[in-house]
Amino acid sequence: MTFPRVALFLLLFLSGQSFAIPVGAEDSVIGKWQFYKVYFQGEYRPPFSEELQLFFEFTEEGKSRLYYFRKNESGFCEREGKYTVDGEFLIDEVTWVNPQNNIGCGQDPDMQKGQKTTTKIAFENGDFYLYLNLKGEPLVYIWRRLGEEEQNIF
């Protein structure tokens, strides 16, 4: 998957489509998260690209950080934002984009300062679910919370 394809993911992130899959009790978005599987066409699957390493961080102060790179490729994409959670929706606005980002990051709408998104979220069994849409079909990116020993992974 190339950086433009990552841009597709983040474009989907902007859609904020809502649809139903089983979810459990509410949890907190605060912490560091790593994308590790998807729910697509009624099945849980590994990420579409094993090379993509995608991380999200949310602080108690309302700051967010999105960071991703590809194994065996140089470069990365990173941005910071301010977020709130309103019920089952994550509202996130990009406030800073790393000037050292890979040139392909500029094609990613979520790597543009001022970009604001509202996306349905949920939690199940400690995982963070981010509800998206792929060509009109429901898609959920599922993130695992990083443990204490993994806090410096990005």
C-alpha atoms as a PDB file:
ATOM      1  CA  MET A   1       0.000   0.000   0.000  1.00  0.00           C
ATOM      2  CA  THR A   2       1.441   3.359  -0.999  1.00  0.00           C
ATOM      3  CA  PHE A   3       1.077   6.689   0.753  1.00  0.00           C
ATOM      4  CA  PRO A   4      -1.799   7.641  -1.611  1.00  0.00           C
ATOM      5  CA  ARG A   5      -3.653   4.509  -0.461  1.00  0.00           C
ATOM      6  CA  VAL A   6      -3.149   5.597   3.151  1.00  0.00           C
ATOM      7  CA  ALA A   7      -4.695   8.876   2.048  1.00  0.00           C
ATOM      8  CA  LEU A   8      -7.730   6.845   0.951  1.00  0.00           C
ATOM      9  CA  PHE A   9      -8.022   5.469   4.498  1.00  0.00           C
ATOM     10  CA  LEU A  10      -7.916   8.917   5.945  1.00  0.00           C
ATOM     11  CA  LEU A  11     -10.410  10.179   3.391  1.00  0.00           C
ATOM     12  CA  LEU A  12     -12.681   7.383   4.557  1.00  0.00           C
ATOM     13  CA  PHE A  13     -12.011   8.535   8.118  1.00  0.00           C
ATOM     14  CA  LEU A  14     -13.601  11.830   7.141  1.00  0.00           C
ATOM     15  CA  SER A  15     -16.833  10.178   6.033  1.00  0.00           C
ATOM     16  CA  GLY A  16     -17.890   9.294   9.576  1.00  0.00           C
ATOM     17  CA  GLN A  17     -20.322   6.666   8.287  1.00  0.00           C
ATOM     18  CA  SER A  18     -22.344   4.913  10.937  1.00  0.00           C
ATOM     19  CA  PHE A  19     -23.401   1.270  10.907  1.00  0.00           C
ATOM     20  CA  ALA A  20     -23.973  -1.518  13.405  1.00  0.00           C
ATOM     21  CA  ILE A  21     -21.579  -4.174  14.636  1.00  0.00           C
ATOM     22  CA  PRO A  22     -21.609  -5.668  18.105  1.00  0.00           C
ATOM     23  CA  VAL A  23     -19.995  -3.392  20.688  1.00  0.00           C
ATOM     24  CA  GLY A  24     -19.483  -3.638  24.400  1.00  0.00           C
ATOM     25  CA  ALA A  25     -19.289  -1.206  27.293  1.00  0.00           C
ATOM     26  CA  GLU A  26     -17.857   2.269  26.828  1.00  0.00           C
ATOM     27  CA  ASP A  27     -14.179   2.844  27.489  1.00  0.00           C
ATOM     28  CA  SER A  28     -11.814   5.790  27.261  1.00  0.00           C
ATOM     29  CA  VAL A  29     -10.025   6.893  24.091  1.00  0.00           C
ATOM     30  CA  ILE A  30      -7.146   8.280  26.196  1.00  0.00           C
ATOM     31  CA  GLY A  31      -3.884   6.453  25.536  1.00  0.00           C
ATOM     32  CA  LYS A  32      -1.739   5.174  22.677  1.00  0.00           C
ATOM     33  CA  TRP A  33      -3.330   2.875  20.105  1.00  0.00           C
ATOM     34  CA  GLN A  34      -2.036   0.697  17.271  1.00  0.00           C
ATOM     35  CA  PHE A  35      -4.185  -0.297  14.289  1.00  0.00           C
ATOM     36  CA  TYR A  36      -4.191  -4.098  14.056  1.00  0.00           C
ATOM     37  CA  LYS A  37      -7.312  -5.422  12.303  1.00  0.00           C
ATOM     38  CA  VAL A  38     -10.429  -4.470  10.364  1.00  0.00           C
ATOM     39  CA  TYR A  39     -14.054  -5.508  10.333  1.00  0.00           C
ATOM     40  CA  PHE A  40     -15.152  -5.619   6.683  1.00  0.00           C
ATOM     41  CA  GLN A  41     -17.906  -7.476   4.820  1.00  0.00           C
ATOM     42  CA  GLY A  42     -19.037  -9.156   8.034  1.00  0.00           C
ATOM     43  CA  GLU A  43     -15.604 -10.543   8.948  1.00  0.00           C
ATOM     44  CA  TYR A  44     -12.679  -9.605  11.156  1.00  0.00           C
ATOM     45  CA  ARG A  45      -9.505  -9.516   9.061  1.00  0.00           C
ATOM     46  CA  PRO A  46      -5.865  -8.506   9.413  1.00  0.00           C
ATOM     47  CA  PRO A  47      -4.981  -5.048   8.055  1.00  0.00           C
ATOM     48  CA  PHE A  48      -5.089  -4.726   4.270  1.00  0.00           C
ATOM     49  CA  SER A  49      -1.321  -4.043   4.362  1.00  0.00           C
ATOM     50  CA  GLU A  50       1.013  -5.705   6.851  1.00  0.00           C
ATOM     51  CA  GLU A  51       3.615  -3.042   6.033  1.00  0.00           C
ATOM     52  CA  LEU A  52       1.492  -0.180   7.386  1.00  0.00           C
ATOM     53  CA  GLN A  53       2.244   0.761  10.988  1.00  0.00           C
ATOM     54  CA  LEU A  54      -0.493   3.161  12.109  1.00  0.00           C
ATOM     55  CA  PHE A  55      -0.752   4.736  15.562  1.00  0.00           C
ATOM     56  CA  PHE A  56      -3.149   7.130  17.295  1.00  0.00           C
ATOM     57  CA  GLU A  57      -2.588   8.865  20.629  1.00  0.00           C
ATOM     58  CA  PHE A  58      -5.111  10.790  22.725  1.00  0.00           C
ATOM     59  CA  THR A  59      -4.207  12.744  25.875  1.00  0.00           C
ATOM     60  CA  GLU A  60      -6.311  13.806  28.831  1.00  0.00           C
ATOM     61  CA  GLU A  61      -5.697  17.414  27.754  1.00  0.00           C
ATOM     62  CA  GLY A  62      -7.611  16.893  24.493  1.00  0.00           C
ATOM     63  CA  LYS A  63      -4.627  16.511  22.163  1.00  0.00           C
ATOM     64  CA  SER A  64      -4.442  13.849  19.461  1.00  0.00           C
ATOM     65  CA  ARG A  65      -1.519  12.547  17.443  1.00  0.00           C
ATOM     66  CA  LEU A  66      -1.692  10.399  14.311  1.00  0.00           C
ATOM     67  CA  TYR A  67       1.536   8.789  13.104  1.00  0.00           C
ATOM     68  CA  TYR A  68       2.177   6.182  10.439  1.00  0.00           C
ATOM     69  CA  PHE A  69       4.962   4.650   8.397  1.00  0.00           C
ATOM     70  CA  ARG A  70       5.636   1.577   6.296  1.00  0.00           C
ATOM     71  CA  LYS A  71       8.063  -1.155   7.199  1.00  0.00           C
ATOM     72  CA  ASN A  72      11.052  -1.232   4.835  1.00  0.00           C
ATOM     73  CA  GLU A  73      10.276   2.257   3.458  1.00  0.00           C
ATOM     74  CA  SER A  74      11.767   5.576   4.435  1.00  0.00           C
ATOM     75  CA  GLY A  75       9.613   8.421   5.647  1.00  0.00           C
ATOM     76  CA  PHE A  76       6.566   8.844   7.843  1.00  0.00           C
ATOM     77  CA  CYS A  77       3.427  10.952   8.235  1.00  0.00           C
ATOM     78  CA  GLU A  78       2.627  12.708  11.506  1.00  0.00           C
ATOM     79  CA  ARG A  79       0.148  15.291  12.670  1.00  0.00           C
ATOM     80  CA  GLU A  80      -1.313  16.586  15.900  1.00  0.00           C
ATOM     81  CA  GLY A  81      -4.788  17.808  16.641  1.00  0.00           C
ATOM     82  CA  LYS A  82      -7.304  18.703  19.290  1.00  0.00           C
ATOM     83  CA  TYR A  83     -10.175  16.340  19.955  1.00  0.00           C
ATOM     84  CA  THR A  84     -13.348  15.876  21.939  1.00  0.00           C
ATOM     85  CA  VAL A  85     -15.619  12.879  22.357  1.00  0.00           C
ATOM     86  CA  ASP A  86     -19.333  13.626  22.126  1.00  0.00           C
ATOM     87  CA  GLY A  87     -21.242  10.471  22.979  1.00  0.00           C
ATOM     88  CA  GLU A  88     -20.281   7.941  20.325  1.00  0.00           C
ATOM     89  CA  PHE A  89     -18.467  10.440  18.095  1.00  0.00           C
ATOM     90  CA  LEU A  90     -14.828  11.492  17.972  1.00  0.00           C
ATOM     91  CA  ILE A  91     -14.412  15.081  16.774  1.00  0.00           C
ATOM     92  CA  ASP A  92     -10.811  15.797  15.776  1.00  0.00           C
ATOM     93  CA  GLU A  93      -9.219  18.882  14.190  1.00  0.00           C
ATOM     94  CA  VAL A  94      -5.665  18.944  12.797  1.00  0.00           C
ATOM     95  CA  THR A  95      -3.627  21.718  14.450  1.00  0.00           C
ATOM     96  CA  TRP A  96      -0.062  20.861  13.349  1.00  0.00           C
ATOM     97  CA  VAL A  97       1.514  18.863  10.530  1.00  0.00           C
ATOM     98  CA  ASN A  98       5.117  17.695  10.822  1.00  0.00           C
ATOM     99  CA  PRO A  99       7.241  19.619   8.275  1.00  0.00           C
ATOM    100  CA  GLN A 100       9.476  16.528   7.978  1.00  0.00           C
ATOM    101  CA  ASN A 101       6.601  14.365   6.680  1.00  0.00           C
ATOM    102  CA  ASN A 102       7.093  12.225   3.587  1.00  0.00           C
ATOM    103  CA  ILE A 103       6.122  14.144   0.465  1.00  0.00           C
ATOM    104  CA  GLY A 104       3.188  11.773  -0.148  1.00  0.00           C
ATOM    105  CA  CYS A 105       1.567  12.838   3.117  1.00  0.00           C
ATOM    106  CA  GLY A 106       0.342  15.999   1.420  1.00  0.00           C
ATOM    107  CA  GLN A 107      -2.232  13.903  -0.468  1.00  0.00           C
ATOM    108  CA  ASP A 108      -3.745  12.755   2.810  1.00  0.00           C
ATOM    109  CA  PRO A 109      -6.689  14.995   3.838  1.00  0.00           C
ATOM    110  CA  ASP A 110      -6.056  14.163   7.501  1.00  0.00           C
ATOM    111  CA  MET A 111      -2.519  15.569   7.197  1.00  0.00           C
ATOM    112  CA  GLN A 112      -3.808  19.062   6.392  1.00  0.00           C
ATOM    113  CA  LYS A 113      -3.901  21.726   9.065  1.00  0.00           C
ATOM    114  CA  GLY A 114      -7.462  22.778   9.884  1.00  0.00           C
ATOM    115  CA  GLN A 115      -9.057  19.518   8.692  1.00  0.00           C
ATOM    116  CA  LYS A 116     -11.911  18.599  11.047  1.00  0.00           C
ATOM    117  CA  THR A 117     -13.579  15.186  11.219  1.00  0.00           C
ATOM    118  CA  THR A 118     -16.471  13.650  13.118  1.00  0.00           C
ATOM    119  CA  THR A 119     -16.364   9.853  13.226  1.00  0.00           C
ATOM    120  CA  LYS A 120     -18.370   7.244  15.097  1.00  0.00           C
ATOM    121  CA  ILE A 121     -16.358   5.268  17.651  1.00  0.00           C
ATOM    122  CA  ALA A 122     -16.955   2.402  20.051  1.00  0.00           C
ATOM    123  CA  PHE A 123     -15.040   0.109  22.395  1.00  0.00           C
ATOM    124  CA  GLU A 124     -15.186  -3.659  22.706  1.00  0.00           C
ATOM    125  CA  ASN A 125     -13.009  -5.915  24.850  1.00  0.00           C
ATOM    126  CA  GLY A 126     -10.537  -3.064  25.368  1.00  0.00           C
ATOM    127  CA  ASP A 127     -10.216  -2.325  21.634  1.00  0.00           C
ATOM    128  CA  PHE A 128     -11.022   1.022  20.019  1.00  0.00           C
ATOM    129  CA  TYR A 129     -13.339   0.850  16.972  1.00  0.00           C
ATOM    130  CA  LEU A 130     -13.238   3.618  14.356  1.00  0.00           C
ATOM    131  CA  TYR A 131     -16.235   3.362  11.993  1.00  0.00           C
ATOM    132  CA  LEU A 132     -15.464   4.169   8.350  1.00  0.00           C
ATOM    133  CA  ASN A 133     -16.792   3.412   4.891  1.00  0.00           C
ATOM    134  CA  LEU A 134     -15.056   1.865   1.870  1.00  0.00           C
ATOM    135  CA  LYS A 135     -16.820   2.449  -1.447  1.00  0.00           C
ATOM    136  CA  GLY A 136     -20.206   2.441   0.267  1.00  0.00           C
ATOM    137  CA  GLU A 137     -19.469  -0.610   2.445  1.00  0.00           C
ATOM    138  CA  PRO A 138     -19.049  -0.493   6.221  1.00  0.00           C
ATOM    139  CA  LEU A 139     -15.433  -0.708   7.372  1.00  0.00           C
ATOM    140  CA  VAL A 140     -14.145  -0.591  10.935  1.00  0.00           C
ATOM    141  CA  TYR A 141     -10.519   0.040  11.821  1.00  0.00           C
ATOM    142  CA  ILE A 142      -9.777  -1.710  15.119  1.00  0.00           C
ATOM    143  CA  TRP A 143      -7.002  -0.472  17.379  1.00  0.00           C
ATOM    144  CA  ARG A 144      -5.352  -2.129  20.364  1.00  0.00           C
ATOM    145  CA  ARG A 145      -4.161  -0.114  23.342  1.00  0.00           C
ATOM    146  CA  LEU A 146      -0.383  -0.150  23.673  1.00  0.00           C
ATOM    147  CA  GLY A 147       0.943  -1.571  26.928  1.00  0.00           C
ATOM    148  CA  GLU A 148       3.367   0.150  29.295  1.00  0.00           C
ATOM    149  CA  GLU A 149       6.358  -1.567  27.671  1.00  0.00           C
ATOM    150  CA  GLU A 150       5.280  -0.259  24.249  1.00  0.00           C
ATOM    151  CA  GLN A 151       4.809   3.419  25.099  1.00  0.00           C
ATOM    152  CA  ASN A 152       7.919   4.491  23.171  1.00  0.00           C
ATOM    153  CA  ILE A 153       7.039   2.566  20.010  1.00  0.00           C
ATOM    154  CA  PHE A 154       6.303   5.832  18.173  1.00  0.00           C
END
